[in-house]
PDB file of N, CA and C in Angstrom:
ATOM      1  N   MET A   1      -3.806-110.263  35.610  1.00  0.00           N
ATOM      2  CA  MET A   1      -4.222-111.406  36.384  1.00  0.00           C
ATOM      3  C   MET A   1      -4.284-110.995  37.862  1.00  0.00           C
ATOM      4  N   THR A   2      -5.343-111.411  38.525  1.00  0.00           N
ATOM      5  CA  THR A   2      -5.488-111.093  39.942  1.00  0.00           C
ATOM      6  C   THR A   2      -4.662-112.066  40.782  1.00  0.00           C
ATOM      7  N   LEU A   3      -4.468-111.709  42.021  1.00  0.00           N
ATOM      8  CA  LEU A   3      -3.750-112.579  42.951  1.00  0.00           C
ATOM      9  C   LEU A   3      -4.482-113.906  43.128  1.00  0.00           C
ATOM     10  N   GLU A   4      -5.809-113.844  43.173  1.00  0.00           N
ATOM     11  CA  GLU A   4      -6.610-115.063  43.325  1.00  0.00           C
ATOM     12  C   GLU A   4      -6.442-115.987  42.120  1.00  0.00           C
ATOM     13  N   GLU A   5      -6.426-115.423  40.924  1.00  0.00           N
ATOM     14  CA  GLU A   5      -6.234-116.225  39.716  1.00  0.00           C
ATOM     15  C   GLU A   5      -4.848-116.860  39.702  1.00  0.00           C
ATOM     16  N   ALA A   6      -3.849-116.105  40.094  1.00  0.00           N
ATOM     17  CA  ALA A   6      -2.481-116.626  40.138  1.00  0.00           C
ATOM     18  C   ALA A   6      -2.375-117.760  41.157  1.00  0.00           C
ATOM     19  N   PHE A   7      -3.004-117.594  42.298  1.00  0.00           N
ATOM     20  CA  PHE A   7      -3.000-118.639  43.325  1.00  0.00           C
ATOM     21  C   PHE A   7      -3.687-119.900  42.814  1.00  0.00           C
ATOM     22  N   LEU A   8      -4.828-119.734  42.144  1.00  0.00           N
ATOM     23  CA  LEU A   8      -5.558-120.885  41.602  1.00  0.00           C
ATOM     24  C   LEU A   8      -4.731-121.611  40.550  1.00  0.00           C
ATOM     25  N   LEU A   9      -4.111-120.873  39.644  1.00  0.00           N
ATOM     26  CA  LEU A   9      -3.254-121.492  38.631  1.00  0.00           C
ATOM     27  C   LEU A   9      -2.127-122.299  39.275  1.00  0.00           C
ATOM     28  N   ASP A  10      -1.490-121.707  40.272  1.00  0.00           N
ATOM     29  CA  ASP A  10      -0.372-122.384  40.922  1.00  0.00           C
ATOM     30  C   ASP A  10      -0.841-123.609  41.699  1.00  0.00           C
ATOM     31  N   THR A  11      -1.965-123.490  42.380  1.00  0.00           N
ATOM     32  CA  THR A  11      -2.498-124.621  43.142  1.00  0.00           C
ATOM     33  C   THR A  11      -2.845-125.779  42.215  1.00  0.00           C
ATOM     34  N   LEU A  12      -3.569-125.493  41.155  1.00  0.00           N
ATOM     35  CA  LEU A  12      -3.937-126.558  40.212  1.00  0.00           C
ATOM     36  C   LEU A  12      -2.695-127.172  39.572  1.00  0.00           C
ATOM     37  N   ARG A  13      -1.741-126.343  39.220  1.00  0.00           N
ATOM     38  CA  ARG A  13      -0.499-126.840  38.615  1.00  0.00           C
ATOM     39  C   ARG A  13       0.165-127.849  39.543  1.00  0.00           C
ATOM     40  N   CYS A  14       0.325-127.465  40.778  1.00  0.00           N
ATOM     41  CA  CYS A  14       0.993-128.341  41.746  1.00  0.00           C
ATOM     42  C   CYS A  14       0.203-129.617  42.015  1.00  0.00           C
ATOM     43  N   ARG A  15      -1.093-129.476  42.185  1.00  0.00           N
ATOM     44  CA  ARG A  15      -1.902-130.644  42.548  1.00  0.00           C
ATOM     45  C   ARG A  15      -2.080-131.594  41.375  1.00  0.00           C
ATOM     46  N   PHE A  16      -2.251-131.072  40.176  1.00  0.00           N
ATOM     47  CA  PHE A  16      -2.343-131.950  39.010  1.00  0.00           C
ATOM     48  C   PHE A  16      -1.060-132.770  38.872  1.00  0.00           C
ATOM     49  N   LYS A  17       0.084-132.121  38.989  1.00  0.00           N
ATOM     50  CA  LYS A  17       1.350-132.832  38.832  1.00  0.00           C
ATOM     51  C   LYS A  17       1.572-133.831  39.964  1.00  0.00           C
ATOM     52  N   TYR A  18       1.354-133.392  41.188  1.00  0.00           N
ATOM     53  CA  TYR A  18       1.546-134.272  42.346  1.00  0.00           C
ATOM     54  C   TYR A  18       0.664-135.517  42.255  1.00  0.00           C
ATOM     55  N   LEU A  19      -0.616-135.324  41.972  1.00  0.00           N
ATOM     56  CA  LEU A  19      -1.544-136.461  41.925  1.00  0.00           C
ATOM     57  C   LEU A  19      -1.235-137.385  40.746  1.00  0.00           C
ATOM     58  N   ARG A  20      -0.858-136.805  39.615  1.00  0.00           N
ATOM     59  CA  ARG A  20      -0.489-137.626  38.451  1.00  0.00           C
ATOM     60  C   ARG A  20       0.706-138.512  38.797  1.00  0.00           C
ATOM     61  N   GLU A  21       1.710-137.916  39.416  1.00  0.00           N
ATOM     62  CA  GLU A  21       2.907-138.682  39.768  1.00  0.00           C
ATOM     63  C   GLU A  21       2.609-139.729  40.842  1.00  0.00           C
ATOM     64  N   GLU A  22       1.696-139.414  41.762  1.00  0.00           N
ATOM     65  CA  GLU A  22       1.299-140.377  42.794  1.00  0.00           C
ATOM     66  C   GLU A  22       0.712-141.644  42.167  1.00  0.00           C
ATOM     67  N   LEU A  23      -0.053-141.479  41.086  1.00  0.00           N
ATOM     68  CA  LEU A  23      -0.644-142.629  40.398  1.00  0.00           C
ATOM     69  C   LEU A  23       0.329-143.280  39.422  1.00  0.00           C
ATOM     70  N   GLY A  24       1.458-142.619  39.177  1.00  0.00           N
ATOM     71  CA  GLY A  24       2.439-143.165  38.249  1.00  0.00           C
ATOM     72  C   GLY A  24       2.048-143.006  36.791  1.00  0.00           C
ATOM     73  N   PHE A  25       1.193-142.015  36.501  1.00  0.00           N
ATOM     74  CA  PHE A  25       0.759-141.765  35.127  1.00  0.00           C
ATOM     75  C   PHE A  25       1.736-140.828  34.426  1.00  0.00           C
ATOM     76  N   THR A  26       1.875-141.006  33.138  1.00  0.00           N
ATOM     77  CA  THR A  26       2.582-140.027  32.320  1.00  0.00           C
ATOM     78  C   THR A  26       1.615-138.890  32.001  1.00  0.00           C
ATOM     79  N   THR A  27       2.141-137.806  31.475  1.00  0.00           N
ATOM     80  CA  THR A  27       1.252-136.718  31.072  1.00  0.00           C
ATOM     81  C   THR A  27       0.325-137.177  29.951  1.00  0.00           C
ATOM     82  N   GLN A  28       0.824-138.005  29.048  1.00  0.00           N
ATOM     83  CA  GLN A  28       0.000-138.519  27.942  1.00  0.00           C
ATOM     84  C   GLN A  28      -1.137-139.383  28.474  1.00  0.00           C
ATOM     85  N   GLU A  29      -0.843-140.263  29.408  1.00  0.00           N
ATOM     86  CA  GLU A  29      -1.891-141.118  29.983  1.00  0.00           C
ATOM     87  C   GLU A  29      -2.949-140.280  30.698  1.00  0.00           C
ATOM     88  N   THR A  30      -2.494-139.289  31.421  1.00  0.00           N
ATOM     89  CA  THR A  30      -3.433-138.437  32.148  1.00  0.00           C
ATOM     90  C   THR A  30      -4.318-137.662  31.193  1.00  0.00           C
ATOM     91  N   ALA A  31      -3.725-137.110  30.150  1.00  0.00           N
ATOM     92  CA  ALA A  31      -4.508-136.389  29.147  1.00  0.00           C
ATOM     93  C   ALA A  31      -5.568-137.305  28.540  1.00  0.00           C
ATOM     94  N   GLN A  32      -5.203-138.550  28.262  1.00  0.00           N
ATOM     95  CA  GLN A  32      -6.163-139.499  27.711  1.00  0.00           C
ATOM     96  C   GLN A  32      -7.286-139.786  28.697  1.00  0.00           C
ATOM     97  N   HIS A  33      -6.949-139.997  29.961  1.00  0.00           N
ATOM     98  CA  HIS A  33      -7.971-140.248  30.986  1.00  0.00           C
ATOM     99  C   HIS A  33      -8.929-139.063  31.117  1.00  0.00           C
ATOM    100  N   LEU A  34      -8.395-137.858  30.974  1.00  0.00           N
ATOM    101  CA  LEU A  34      -9.212-136.660  31.117  1.00  0.00           C
ATOM    102  C   LEU A  34      -9.879-136.240  29.811  1.00  0.00           C
ATOM    103  N   ALA A  35      -9.578-136.942  28.734  1.00  0.00           N
ATOM    104  CA  ALA A  35     -10.150-136.674  27.408  1.00  0.00           C
ATOM    105  C   ALA A  35      -9.841-135.246  26.941  1.00  0.00           C
ATOM    106  N   VAL A  36      -8.577-134.841  27.143  1.00  0.00           N
ATOM    107  CA  VAL A  36      -8.119-133.541  26.650  1.00  0.00           C
ATOM    108  C   VAL A  36      -6.849-133.766  25.840  1.00  0.00           C
ATOM    109  N   PRO A  37      -6.572-132.884  24.894  1.00  0.00           N
ATOM    110  CA  PRO A  37      -5.314-132.999  24.156  1.00  0.00           C
ATOM    111  C   PRO A  37      -4.119-132.856  25.101  1.00  0.00           C
ATOM    112  N   LEU A  38      -3.048-133.547  24.794  1.00  0.00           N
ATOM    113  CA  LEU A  38      -1.837-133.470  25.613  1.00  0.00           C
ATOM    114  C   LEU A  38      -1.366-132.026  25.758  1.00  0.00           C
ATOM    115  N   THR A  39      -1.419-131.265  24.682  1.00  0.00           N
ATOM    116  CA  THR A  39      -0.968-129.869  24.750  1.00  0.00           C
ATOM    117  C   THR A  39      -1.782-129.073  25.768  1.00  0.00           C
ATOM    118  N   ASP A  40      -3.085-129.341  25.855  1.00  0.00           N
ATOM    119  CA  ASP A  40      -3.913-128.661  26.855  1.00  0.00           C
ATOM    120  C   ASP A  40      -3.504-129.088  28.254  1.00  0.00           C
ATOM    121  N   TYR A  41      -3.333-130.392  28.454  1.00  0.00           N
ATOM    122  CA  TYR A  41      -2.968-130.870  29.783  1.00  0.00           C
ATOM    123  C   TYR A  41      -1.636-130.267  30.237  1.00  0.00           C
ATOM    124  N   LEU A  42      -0.689-130.203  29.326  1.00  0.00           N
ATOM    125  CA  LEU A  42       0.615-129.631  29.683  1.00  0.00           C
ATOM    126  C   LEU A  42       0.491-128.177  30.132  1.00  0.00           C
ATOM    127  N   THR A  43      -0.427-127.430  29.533  1.00  0.00           N
ATOM    128  CA  THR A  43      -0.601-126.032  29.958  1.00  0.00           C
ATOM    129  C   THR A  43      -1.184-125.959  31.369  1.00  0.00           C
ATOM    130  N   TYR A  44      -1.961-126.968  31.771  1.00  0.00           N
ATOM    131  CA  TYR A  44      -2.488-126.991  33.144  1.00  0.00           C
ATOM    132  C   TYR A  44      -1.355-127.251  34.133  1.00  0.00           C
ATOM    133  N   GLU A  45      -0.528-128.232  33.815  1.00  0.00           N
ATOM    134  CA  GLU A  45       0.575-128.574  34.725  1.00  0.00           C
ATOM    135  C   GLU A  45       1.661-127.505  34.752  1.00  0.00           C
ATOM    136  N   GLU A  46       1.750-126.723  33.714  1.00  0.00           N
ATOM    137  CA  GLU A  46       2.737-125.641  33.675  1.00  0.00           C
ATOM    138  C   GLU A  46       2.177-124.349  34.269  1.00  0.00           C
ATOM    139  N   GLY A  47       0.898-124.360  34.637  1.00  0.00           N
ATOM    140  CA  GLY A  47       0.287-123.184  35.232  1.00  0.00           C
ATOM    141  C   GLY A  47       0.047-122.058  34.255  1.00  0.00           C
ATOM    142  N   GLU A  48      -0.107-122.400  32.987  1.00  0.00           N
ATOM    143  CA  GLU A  48      -0.327-121.386  31.961  1.00  0.00           C
ATOM    144  C   GLU A  48      -1.805-121.162  31.664  1.00  0.00           C
ATOM    145  N   ARG A  49      -2.627-122.141  32.018  1.00  0.00           N
ATOM    146  CA  ARG A  49      -4.041-122.068  31.658  1.00  0.00           C
ATOM    147  C   ARG A  49      -4.859-122.866  32.655  1.00  0.00           C
ATOM    148  N   LEU A  50      -6.060-122.378  32.940  1.00  0.00           N
ATOM    149  CA  LEU A  50      -6.976-123.102  33.818  1.00  0.00           C
ATOM    150  C   LEU A  50      -7.768-124.127  33.017  1.00  0.00           C
ATOM    151  N   PRO A  51      -7.948-125.320  33.564  1.00  0.00           N
ATOM    152  CA  PRO A  51      -8.812-126.291  32.896  1.00  0.00           C
ATOM    153  C   PRO A  51     -10.271-125.869  33.027  1.00  0.00           C
ATOM    154  N   ASP A  52     -11.103-126.363  32.122  1.00  0.00           N
ATOM    155  CA  ASP A  52     -12.525-126.063  32.230  1.00  0.00           C
ATOM    156  C   ASP A  52     -13.143-126.884  33.366  1.00  0.00           C
ATOM    157  N   VAL A  53     -14.368-126.576  33.688  1.00  0.00           N
ATOM    158  CA  VAL A  53     -15.043-127.206  34.819  1.00  0.00           C
ATOM    159  C   VAL A  53     -15.139-128.718  34.650  1.00  0.00           C
ATOM    160  N   LEU A  54     -15.477-129.188  33.460  1.00  0.00           N
ATOM    161  CA  LEU A  54     -15.592-130.636  33.245  1.00  0.00           C
ATOM    162  C   LEU A  54     -14.260-131.340  33.447  1.00  0.00           C
ATOM    163  N   THR A  55     -13.189-130.725  33.027  1.00  0.00           N
ATOM    164  CA  THR A  55     -11.865-131.327  33.229  1.00  0.00           C
ATOM    165  C   THR A  55     -11.534-131.393  34.719  1.00  0.00           C
ATOM    166  N   ILE A  56     -11.882-130.359  35.457  1.00  0.00           N
ATOM    167  CA  ILE A  56     -11.653-130.384  36.902  1.00  0.00           C
ATOM    168  C   ILE A  56     -12.482-131.493  37.551  1.00  0.00           C
ATOM    169  N   LEU A  57     -13.722-131.635  37.146  1.00  0.00           N
ATOM    170  CA  LEU A  57     -14.574-132.713  37.678  1.00  0.00           C
ATOM    171  C   LEU A  57     -14.012-134.089  37.334  1.00  0.00           C
ATOM    172  N   HIS A  58     -13.558-134.259  36.098  1.00  0.00           N
ATOM    173  CA  HIS A  58     -12.969-135.543  35.692  1.00  0.00           C
ATOM    174  C   HIS A  58     -11.675-135.825  36.454  1.00  0.00           C
ATOM    175  N   ALA A  59     -10.872-134.792  36.673  1.00  0.00           N
ATOM    176  CA  ALA A  59      -9.627-134.971  37.424  1.00  0.00           C
ATOM    177  C   ALA A  59      -9.918-135.374  38.869  1.00  0.00           C
ATOM    178  N   ALA A  60     -10.908-134.754  39.471  1.00  0.00           N
ATOM    179  CA  ALA A  60     -11.277-135.111  40.847  1.00  0.00           C
ATOM    180  C   ALA A  60     -11.712-136.577  40.912  1.00  0.00           C
ATOM    181  N   ALA A  61     -12.473-137.023  39.940  1.00  0.00           N
ATOM    182  CA  ALA A  61     -12.903-138.426  39.907  1.00  0.00           C
ATOM    183  C   ALA A  61     -11.713-139.355  39.657  1.00  0.00           C
ATOM    184  N   LEU A  62     -10.852-139.000  38.716  1.00  0.00           N
ATOM    185  CA  LEU A  62      -9.684-139.820  38.399  1.00  0.00           C
ATOM    186  C   LEU A  62      -8.786-139.983  39.619  1.00  0.00           C
ATOM    187  N   TYR A  63      -8.522-138.891  40.313  1.00  0.00           N
ATOM    188  CA  TYR A  63      -7.609-138.915  41.450  1.00  0.00           C
ATOM    189  C   TYR A  63      -8.299-139.253  42.771  1.00  0.00           C
ATOM    190  N   GLN A  64      -9.624-139.367  42.725  1.00  0.00           N
ATOM    191  CA  GLN A  64     -10.426-139.667  43.914  1.00  0.00           C
ATOM    192  C   GLN A  64     -10.182-138.645  45.026  1.00  0.00           C
ATOM    193  N   VAL A  65     -10.232-137.390  44.630  1.00  0.00           N
ATOM    194  CA  VAL A  65     -10.104-136.278  45.566  1.00  0.00           C
ATOM    195  C   VAL A  65     -11.291-135.341  45.347  1.00  0.00           C
ATOM    196  N   SER A  66     -11.469-134.430  46.264  1.00  0.00           N
ATOM    197  CA  SER A  66     -12.552-133.463  46.118  1.00  0.00           C
ATOM    198  C   SER A  66     -12.132-132.332  45.182  1.00  0.00           C
ATOM    199  N   VAL A  67     -13.123-131.723  44.578  1.00  0.00           N
ATOM    200  CA  VAL A  67     -12.876-130.540  43.766  1.00  0.00           C
ATOM    201  C   VAL A  67     -12.302-129.442  44.655  1.00  0.00           C
ATOM    202  N   ASP A  68     -12.795-129.344  45.880  1.00  0.00           N
ATOM    203  CA  ASP A  68     -12.263-128.350  46.820  1.00  0.00           C
ATOM    204  C   ASP A  68     -10.758-128.523  47.016  1.00  0.00           C
ATOM    205  N   TYR A  69     -10.294-129.758  47.085  1.00  0.00           N
ATOM    206  CA  TYR A  69      -8.852-129.999  47.232  1.00  0.00           C
ATOM    207  C   TYR A  69      -8.106-129.520  45.986  1.00  0.00           C
ATOM    208  N   LEU A  70      -8.605-129.874  44.813  1.00  0.00           N
ATOM    209  CA  LEU A  70      -7.940-129.447  43.580  1.00  0.00           C
ATOM    210  C   LEU A  70      -7.847-127.932  43.495  1.00  0.00           C
ATOM    211  N   LEU A  71      -8.883-127.242  43.970  1.00  0.00           N
ATOM    212  CA  LEU A  71      -8.938-125.793  43.870  1.00  0.00           C
ATOM    213  C   LEU A  71      -8.257-125.070  45.034  1.00  0.00           C
ATOM    214  N   GLY A  72      -7.728-125.833  45.987  1.00  0.00           N
ATOM    215  CA  GLY A  72      -7.017-125.221  47.096  1.00  0.00           C
ATOM    216  C   GLY A  72      -7.915-124.703  48.206  1.00  0.00           C
ATOM    217  N   GLN A  73      -9.159-125.157  48.234  1.00  0.00           N
ATOM    218  CA  GLN A  73     -10.088-124.715  49.270  1.00  0.00           C
ATOM    219  C   GLN A  73      -9.960-125.523  50.550  1.00  0.00           C
ATOM    220  N   THR A  74      -9.281-126.669  50.464  1.00  0.00           N
ATOM    221  CA  THR A  74      -9.032-127.515  51.622  1.00  0.00           C
ATOM    222  C   THR A  74      -7.714-128.238  51.416  1.00  0.00           C
ATOM    223  N   GLU A  75      -7.101-128.622  52.498  1.00  0.00           N
ATOM    224  CA  GLU A  75      -5.879-129.426  52.428  1.00  0.00           C
ATOM    225  C   GLU A  75      -6.194-130.905  52.603  1.00  0.00           C
ATOM    226  N   GLN A  76      -7.462-131.228  52.807  1.00  0.00           N
ATOM    227  CA  GLN A  76      -7.905-132.621  52.951  1.00  0.00           C
ATOM    228  C   GLN A  76      -8.202-133.175  51.566  1.00  0.00           C
ATOM    229  N   PRO A  77      -7.347-134.035  51.032  1.00  0.00           N
ATOM    230  CA  PRO A  77      -7.512-134.463  49.637  1.00  0.00           C
ATOM    231  C   PRO A  77      -8.689-135.389  49.367  1.00  0.00           C
ATOM    232  N   ARG A  78      -8.992-136.259  50.275  1.00  0.00           N
ATOM    233  CA  ARG A  78      -9.990-137.291  49.990  1.00  0.00           C
ATOM    234  C   ARG A  78     -11.410-136.767  50.139  1.00  0.00           C
ATOM    235  N   ARG A  79     -12.238-137.275  49.233  1.00  0.00           N
ATOM    236  CA  ARG A  79     -13.657-136.936  49.285  1.00  0.00           C
ATOM    237  C   ARG A  79     -14.327-137.696  50.400  1.00  0.00           C
ATOM    238  N   ASP A  80     -15.342-137.111  50.955  1.00  0.00           N
ATOM    239  CA  ASP A  80     -16.168-137.802  51.946  1.00  0.00           C
ATOM    240  C   ASP A  80     -17.389-138.330  51.230  1.00  0.00           C
ATOM    241  N   ASP A  81     -17.288-139.561  50.714  1.00  0.00           N
ATOM    242  CA  ASP A  81     -18.401-140.147  49.944  1.00  0.00           C
ATOM    243  C   ASP A  81     -19.452-140.735  50.828  1.00  0.00           C
TER     244      ASP A  81
END
Protein backbone atom coordinates (compact mmCIF):
# COMPACT_ATOMS: atom_id res chain seq x y z
CA MET A 1 0.00 0.00 0.00
CA THR A 2 1.31 3.44 -0.89
CA LEU A 3 1.43 6.35 1.52
CA GLU A 4 -1.29 8.08 -0.50
CA GLU A 5 -3.58 5.05 -0.24
CA ALA A 6 -3.00 4.81 3.50
CA PHE A 7 -3.77 8.51 3.92
CA LEU A 8 -6.98 8.16 1.88
CA LEU A 9 -8.12 5.15 3.90
CA ASP A 10 -7.49 6.97 7.16
CA THR A 11 -9.16 10.18 5.99
CA LEU A 12 -12.29 8.39 4.80
CA ARG A 13 -12.40 6.31 7.98
CA CYS A 14 -12.30 9.39 10.17
CA ARG A 15 -14.71 11.46 8.11
CA PHE A 16 -17.28 8.70 7.63
CA LYS A 17 -17.36 8.07 11.38
CA TYR A 18 -17.34 11.75 12.36
CA LEU A 19 -20.14 12.70 9.95
CA ARG A 20 -22.23 9.65 10.87
CA GLU A 21 -21.99 10.52 14.56
CA GLU A 22 -22.77 14.19 13.82
CA LEU A 23 -26.10 13.10 12.30
CA GLY A 24 -26.71 10.66 15.14
CA PHE A 25 -26.94 7.66 12.80
CA THR A 26 -26.00 4.14 13.75
CA THR A 27 -23.73 2.18 11.44
CA GLN A 28 -26.77 0.13 10.37
CA GLU A 29 -28.78 3.24 9.50
CA THR A 30 -25.89 4.68 7.55
CA ALA A 31 -25.35 1.46 5.63
CA GLN A 32 -29.05 1.48 4.72
CA HIS A 33 -28.92 5.11 3.57
CA LEU A 34 -25.88 4.32 1.43
CA ALA A 35 -27.44 1.09 0.11
CA VAL A 36 -24.45 -1.03 1.12
CA PRO A 37 -24.27 -4.08 3.37
CA LEU A 38 -23.43 -3.29 6.99
CA THR A 39 -20.29 -5.43 6.75
CA ASP A 40 -19.05 -3.28 3.85
CA TYR A 41 -19.79 -0.05 5.68
CA LEU A 42 -17.95 -1.27 8.76
CA THR A 43 -14.84 -1.93 6.66
CA TYR A 44 -14.95 1.70 5.48
CA GLU A 45 -15.16 3.06 9.02
CA GLU A 46 -12.42 0.70 10.18
CA GLY A 47 -10.15 1.84 7.35
CA GLU A 48 -9.84 -1.64 5.90
CA ARG A 49 -11.35 -0.95 2.50
CA LEU A 50 -12.13 1.98 0.22
CA PRO A 51 -15.74 2.53 -0.78
CA ASP A 52 -16.56 2.59 -4.47
CA VAL A 53 -17.19 5.86 -6.27
CA LEU A 54 -20.99 5.63 -6.05
CA THR A 55 -20.83 5.09 -2.30
CA ILE A 56 -18.60 8.13 -1.93
CA LEU A 57 -21.04 10.20 -4.01
CA HIS A 58 -23.99 8.95 -1.94
CA ALA A 59 -22.14 9.69 1.30
CA ALA A 60 -21.37 13.23 0.16
CA ALA A 61 -25.06 13.77 -0.61
CA LEU A 62 -26.19 12.17 2.67
CA TYR A 63 -23.82 14.28 4.76
CA GLN A 64 -24.20 17.37 2.55
CA VAL A 65 -20.46 17.73 2.14
CA SER A 66 -18.22 17.83 -0.90
CA VAL A 67 -16.50 14.77 -2.27
CA ASP A 68 -13.27 16.76 -1.92
CA TYR A 69 -13.89 16.99 1.83
CA LEU A 70 -14.53 13.25 2.14
CA LEU A 71 -11.32 12.53 0.23
CA GLY A 72 -9.22 14.94 2.28
CA GLN A 73 -8.62 17.41 -0.54
CA THR A 74 -10.08 20.27 1.50
CA GLU A 75 -10.85 21.00 5.12
CA GLN A 76 -13.98 22.93 4.10
CA PRO A 77 -16.78 20.38 4.59
CA ARG A 78 -19.74 22.13 3.03
CA ARG A 79 -20.45 22.10 -0.66
CA ASP A 80 -20.80 25.35 -2.52
CA ASP A 81 -24.13 24.71 -4.25
